[in-house]
N, C-alpha and C. Protein backbone atom coordinates (compact mmCIF):
# COMPACT_ATOMS: atom_id res chain seq x y z
N MET A 1 43.08 71.36 94.23
CA MET A 1 44.67 72.12 94.18
C MET A 1 44.18 73.62 94.03
N THR A 2 43.10 73.98 93.21
CA THR A 2 42.99 75.43 93.20
C THR A 2 42.40 76.06 94.18
N PHE A 3 41.74 75.25 95.27
CA PHE A 3 41.21 75.67 96.32
C PHE A 3 42.70 75.95 97.06
N ILE A 4 43.55 75.30 97.06
CA ILE A 4 44.69 75.31 97.79
C ILE A 4 45.14 76.93 97.59
N LEU A 5 45.35 77.05 96.16
CA LEU A 5 45.80 78.23 95.40
C LEU A 5 45.25 79.59 96.08
N GLY A 6 43.73 79.25 96.04
CA GLY A 6 42.81 80.32 96.13
C GLY A 6 43.00 80.68 97.85
N LEU A 7 43.18 79.78 98.69
CA LEU A 7 43.77 80.30 100.18
C LEU A 7 45.09 81.00 100.26
N LEU A 8 46.00 80.33 99.38
CA LEU A 8 47.47 80.87 99.89
C LEU A 8 47.49 82.43 99.09
N GLN A 9 46.83 82.80 98.06
CA GLN A 9 46.93 83.81 96.97
C GLN A 9 46.95 85.04 98.02
N PRO A 10 45.57 85.31 98.99
CA PRO A 10 45.76 86.68 99.74
C PRO A 10 46.80 86.64 100.62
N PHE A 11 47.39 85.12 101.16
CA PHE A 11 48.39 85.06 102.22
C PHE A 11 49.70 85.93 101.33
N ALA A 12 49.73 85.31 100.41
CA ALA A 12 50.95 85.93 99.58
C ALA A 12 50.91 87.18 99.21
N LEU A 13 50.01 88.12 98.97
CA LEU A 13 49.76 89.11 98.58
C LEU A 13 50.04 90.28 100.30
N LYS A 14 49.54 89.59 101.27
CA LYS A 14 49.91 90.21 102.46
C LYS A 14 51.23 90.24 102.91
N MET A 15 51.80 88.90 102.27
CA MET A 15 53.48 89.12 102.42
C MET A 15 54.15 90.15 101.78
N LEU A 16 53.99 90.24 100.33
CA LEU A 16 54.27 91.14 99.73
C LEU A 16 54.20 92.43 100.11
N ALA A 17 53.04 92.76 100.60
CA ALA A 17 52.77 94.17 101.24
C ALA A 17 53.38 94.41 102.24
N TRP A 18 53.81 93.32 103.12
CA TRP A 18 54.65 93.62 104.52
C TRP A 18 56.17 93.95 103.80
N GLY A 19 56.40 93.07 103.13
CA GLY A 19 57.88 93.06 102.46
C GLY A 19 57.80 94.54 102.13
N ALA A 20 57.18 94.99 101.29
CA ALA A 20 57.66 96.18 100.70
C ALA A 20 57.69 97.29 101.62
N VAL A 21 56.78 97.38 102.81
CA VAL A 21 56.73 98.11 103.81
C VAL A 21 58.27 98.38 104.84
N ALA A 22 58.56 96.46 104.86
CA ALA A 22 59.94 96.42 105.64
C ALA A 22 61.09 97.09 104.55
N VAL A 23 60.98 97.26 103.53
CA VAL A 23 62.35 97.42 102.75
C VAL A 23 62.28 99.13 102.31
N SER A 24 60.68 99.67 102.80
CA SER A 24 61.00 101.15 102.57
C SER A 24 61.16 101.38 104.27
N VAL A 25 61.05 100.70 105.06
CA VAL A 25 61.41 101.49 106.22
C VAL A 25 62.97 101.46 106.73
N LEU A 26 63.42 100.41 106.03
CA LEU A 26 65.06 100.04 106.08
C LEU A 26 65.60 101.19 105.13
N GLY A 27 64.91 101.38 104.24
CA GLY A 27 65.78 102.29 103.33
C GLY A 27 65.47 103.70 103.92
N ALA A 28 64.37 104.21 104.39
CA ALA A 28 64.58 105.24 105.10
C ALA A 28 65.48 105.35 106.40
N LEU A 29 65.91 104.21 107.10
CA LEU A 29 66.36 104.49 108.50
C LEU A 29 68.05 104.19 107.74
N PHE A 30 68.24 103.94 106.65
CA PHE A 30 69.53 103.97 105.75
C PHE A 30 69.79 105.36 105.48
N TYR A 31 68.73 105.90 104.88
CA TYR A 31 68.77 107.43 104.35
C TYR A 31 69.16 108.59 105.56
N ILE A 32 68.44 108.14 106.60
CA ILE A 32 68.58 108.74 108.02
C ILE A 32 70.22 108.67 108.69
N LYS A 33 70.69 107.53 108.61
CA LYS A 33 72.15 107.35 109.00
C LYS A 33 72.99 107.88 108.01
N ARG A 34 73.02 107.83 106.70
CA ARG A 34 73.75 108.58 105.85
C ARG A 34 73.79 110.15 105.76
N MET A 35 72.61 110.54 106.15
CA MET A 35 72.52 111.93 106.55
C MET A 35 73.18 112.66 108.11
N ILE A 36 73.40 111.71 108.81
CA ILE A 36 74.00 112.05 110.23
C ILE A 36 75.24 112.10 109.89
N GLU A 37 75.69 110.98 109.23
CA GLU A 37 77.23 110.71 109.03
C GLU A 37 77.72 112.07 108.06
N THR A 38 76.83 112.58 106.76
CA THR A 38 77.35 113.78 106.14
C THR A 38 77.46 114.96 107.23
N GLY A 39 76.47 114.88 107.91
CA GLY A 39 76.39 116.41 108.87
C GLY A 39 77.07 116.33 109.45
N ALA A 40 77.82 114.81 110.16
CA ALA A 40 79.47 115.14 111.13
C ALA A 40 80.60 115.32 110.47
N LYS A 41 80.50 114.94 109.14
CA LYS A 41 81.48 115.31 108.44
C LYS A 41 81.32 116.77 107.99
N ALA A 42 80.45 117.25 107.76
CA ALA A 42 80.57 118.73 107.13
C ALA A 42 80.96 119.91 108.51
N GLU A 43 80.25 119.32 109.86
CA GLU A 43 80.64 120.00 111.03
C GLU A 43 82.38 119.54 111.06
N GLU A 44 82.86 118.47 111.10
CA GLU A 44 84.52 118.49 111.22
C GLU A 44 85.41 119.32 110.42
N ARG A 45 84.46 119.24 108.72
CA ARG A 45 85.12 120.28 107.81
C ARG A 45 85.04 121.56 108.34
N LEU A 46 83.99 122.08 109.25
CA LEU A 46 84.01 123.48 109.45
C LEU A 46 84.86 123.81 110.29
N ALA A 47 84.64 122.79 111.59
CA ALA A 47 85.96 122.94 112.56
C ALA A 47 87.15 123.32 112.11
N THR A 48 87.79 122.17 111.19
CA THR A 48 89.04 122.61 110.47
C THR A 48 89.23 124.00 109.78
N THR A 49 88.66 124.10 109.00
CA THR A 49 88.32 125.09 108.43
C THR A 49 88.47 126.39 109.15
N THR A 50 87.58 126.41 110.29
CA THR A 50 87.46 127.97 111.14
C THR A 50 89.02 127.44 111.92
N ARG A 51 89.71 126.73 112.32
CA ARG A 51 90.81 126.55 113.04
C ARG A 51 91.96 126.89 111.85
N ASN A 52 92.16 126.76 110.69
CA ASN A 52 93.17 127.02 109.95
C ASN A 52 92.95 128.34 109.45
N LEU A 53 91.87 129.02 109.51
CA LEU A 53 91.82 130.77 109.41
C LEU A 53 91.80 131.39 110.74
N GLU A 54 91.91 130.68 111.73
CA GLU A 54 92.62 131.33 112.97
C GLU A 54 93.99 131.83 112.59
N VAL A 55 94.24 130.22 112.61
CA VAL A 55 95.92 130.42 112.20
C VAL A 55 96.24 131.68 111.10
N SER A 56 95.92 131.50 110.12
CA SER A 56 96.12 132.08 108.95
C SER A 56 96.05 133.81 109.72
N ARG A 57 95.05 134.18 110.10
CA ARG A 57 94.68 135.42 110.63
C ARG A 57 95.80 135.88 111.56
N ASP A 58 96.29 134.57 112.51
CA ASP A 58 97.08 135.26 113.36
C ASP A 58 98.46 135.36 113.07
N GLN A 59 98.88 134.71 111.58
CA GLN A 59 100.37 134.92 111.35
C GLN A 59 100.01 136.20 110.23
N LEU A 60 99.04 136.76 109.74
CA LEU A 60 99.01 137.72 108.99
C LEU A 60 99.26 139.05 110.13
N LYS A 61 98.25 138.91 111.48
CA LYS A 61 98.66 139.90 112.15
C LYS A 61 100.37 139.76 113.13
N ALA A 62 100.66 138.69 112.99
CA ALA A 62 102.19 139.13 113.54
C ALA A 62 103.25 139.35 112.54
N ALA A 63 102.85 138.87 110.84
CA ALA A 63 103.43 139.70 109.84
C ALA A 63 103.16 141.19 109.94
N ALA A 64 102.14 141.72 110.13
CA ALA A 64 101.72 143.06 110.20
C ALA A 64 102.46 144.04 111.32
N ASP A 65 102.70 143.39 112.58
CA ASP A 65 103.08 143.57 113.74
C ASP A 65 104.65 143.71 113.73
N ARG A 66 105.45 143.39 112.75
CA ARG A 66 106.59 142.66 112.97
C ARG A 66 107.61 144.24 113.11
N PRO A 67 108.39 144.48 113.28
CA PRO A 67 109.80 145.34 113.26
C PRO A 67 109.76 145.25 111.86
N ARG A 68 109.75 146.90 111.22
CA ARG A 68 110.34 146.73 109.85
C ARG A 68 111.70 147.05 109.81
N THR A 69 112.43 147.60 110.70
CA THR A 69 113.87 148.11 110.40
C THR A 69 115.00 147.23 111.75
N ARG A 70 116.28 147.38 111.66
CA ARG A 70 116.59 146.77 112.54
C ARG A 70 116.73 147.80 114.14
N ASP A 71 116.50 149.05 113.74
CA ASP A 71 116.46 149.99 114.61
C ASP A 71 115.23 149.46 115.73
N GLU A 72 114.11 149.21 114.84
CA GLU A 72 112.56 148.80 115.64
C GLU A 72 112.56 147.54 116.37
N LEU A 73 113.92 146.37 115.62
CA LEU A 73 113.85 145.47 116.19
C LEU A 73 114.76 145.79 117.55
N ALA A 74 115.51 146.45 117.64
CA ALA A 74 116.42 146.40 118.75
C ALA A 74 115.58 147.26 119.79
N ASP A 75 114.86 148.29 119.65
CA ASP A 75 114.06 148.51 120.57
C ASP A 75 113.07 148.00 121.03
N LYS A 76 112.25 147.02 120.28
CA LYS A 76 111.44 145.96 121.16
C LYS A 76 111.92 145.13 121.93
N LEU A 77 113.33 144.75 121.44
CA LEU A 77 114.08 143.42 122.29
C LEU A 77 115.00 144.27 123.62
N ARG A 78 114.88 145.64 123.63
CA ARG A 78 115.41 146.07 124.80
C ARG A 78 114.10 146.47 125.53
N ASP A 79 112.97 146.51 125.23
CA ASP A 79 111.63 146.91 125.95
C ASP A 79 111.11 145.85 126.37
N GLY A 80 111.38 144.22 125.61
CA GLY A 80 110.81 143.40 126.36
C GLY A 80 109.76 143.02 125.58
N SER A 81 109.27 143.88 124.81
CA SER A 81 107.75 143.86 123.96
C SER A 81 108.06 142.60 122.94
N PHE A 82 109.04 142.40 122.10
CA PHE A 82 109.00 141.12 121.53
C PHE A 82 108.85 139.72 121.72
């Protein structure tokens, strides 16, 4: 009986070592996948923020260029520049 256990013990140690390697590789792959997803989310947030800033800038420009008085509005409407 001890002879059989003596033969199985090195095999069991090798299997534990290979199992540890497999778990490490899987952990690294899941970490990489998570980093890719995080990067994609950050890129999407950046695109959304950029679009929102462009809209805000356009609104501020339109507000700055608006006619101040009724006379200015009438002139712009007559000229067709409004």
